[in-house]
Amino acid sequence: MRSFDPEGDPRGPRQVRHGEQCKPAADDASSRILRRAPVLAAWGPSRILRPLPRAATAEVAFRHGGPGAAVIGGDRCPTRRRPQYITAHDMPRRSHDLHGAAPDDSRTALLLIDVINDLDFPGGDRLLAHALPMAHRIRALKQRCRDAGIPAVYVNDNFGRWQSNFHRQIEHCLEEGVRGREIAALLRPGEDDYFVLKPKHSGFYGTTLEILLESLGAQTLLLTGMAGNICVLFTANDAYMRDYRLLVPSDCVASETEEDNGHALRQMQRFLKADITPSDELDLERLPA
């Protein structure tokens, strides 16, 4: 149950319950009417009342006889029967046009998570021991993806430096004496690769990643990088909630310990339906292009 205040309704907020029926309008002569509605809410599959964008509420068509419920501000309702669901398919689609910034078109995308990393933190030396062999396998997988037309997206931490940029991070990680230098050299981005800087653990939180993937047309994600039990896992969780199909090659993610990495992989396989087939066994030609 959710309270909301329809604009222009002098009666103010009203409580709406699932299955509530409205009194039929006295002047309603047809089984279908169109009217202007300032506020629209719909019960989604999770049975949670959610507001819908204002752009979709200018004209609303009531459809009768179906399951579910939709409630409009005011008390006019064309029938005592509940209207059909109003789903995301009824909403205006977002533009896929990024003004030429994403020229690729692929239903699969390769994500490299936090691989440009100086590893300058407690436990970085332990992570390096597992991440360096991982980097060699990601390099080989990335080349195979490139040959198959699958774009690469670097999803990288900004290391808390809000004024930094990705190119400066690459330069820093390639400097002499930096712990993660060899990994950065192996996985240095190419000119055609994409990148997204993230402020937190998940690649989706507070970033443009979802918009980029939508522009690419990606529906399947190959997740690689580190740490497998932190940023890779958090990104996989958010990707799963957005209905992406997940592939997490078990030999292309690394954590500080093998136990942590194995546990994270099992969690993603069991709860996120991720395919954790090793990279050298993946048939990229069978992935949606």
Foldseek 3Di string as FASTA:
>chain_A
DDWDFQPPDVVGIDDDDKLDFFDADPPQPDQKDKDAFRWKWFQDPVRDTDTDDRVLRRIDIFAFDADGAMDTPDRHDHDRGGGHTDDPVSDDDDDLDPPPPQPAAFQEAEEAEALLDLLPDVLSVLQLVQQVQLLVQVLVLQVVCVVVRHAYEYQHEPVPPPPDDDVVSLVVLCDPPRNSNNSSVSCPDDPNHHYWYDHDLASPPPICVVSNCVSNNYQEYEYAYDDLLTSSLNNLVVSLVVNGAYEYALSRHTHSDPVSSVVSVVCCCPPSVYHHHHSVPDDPNPDTD
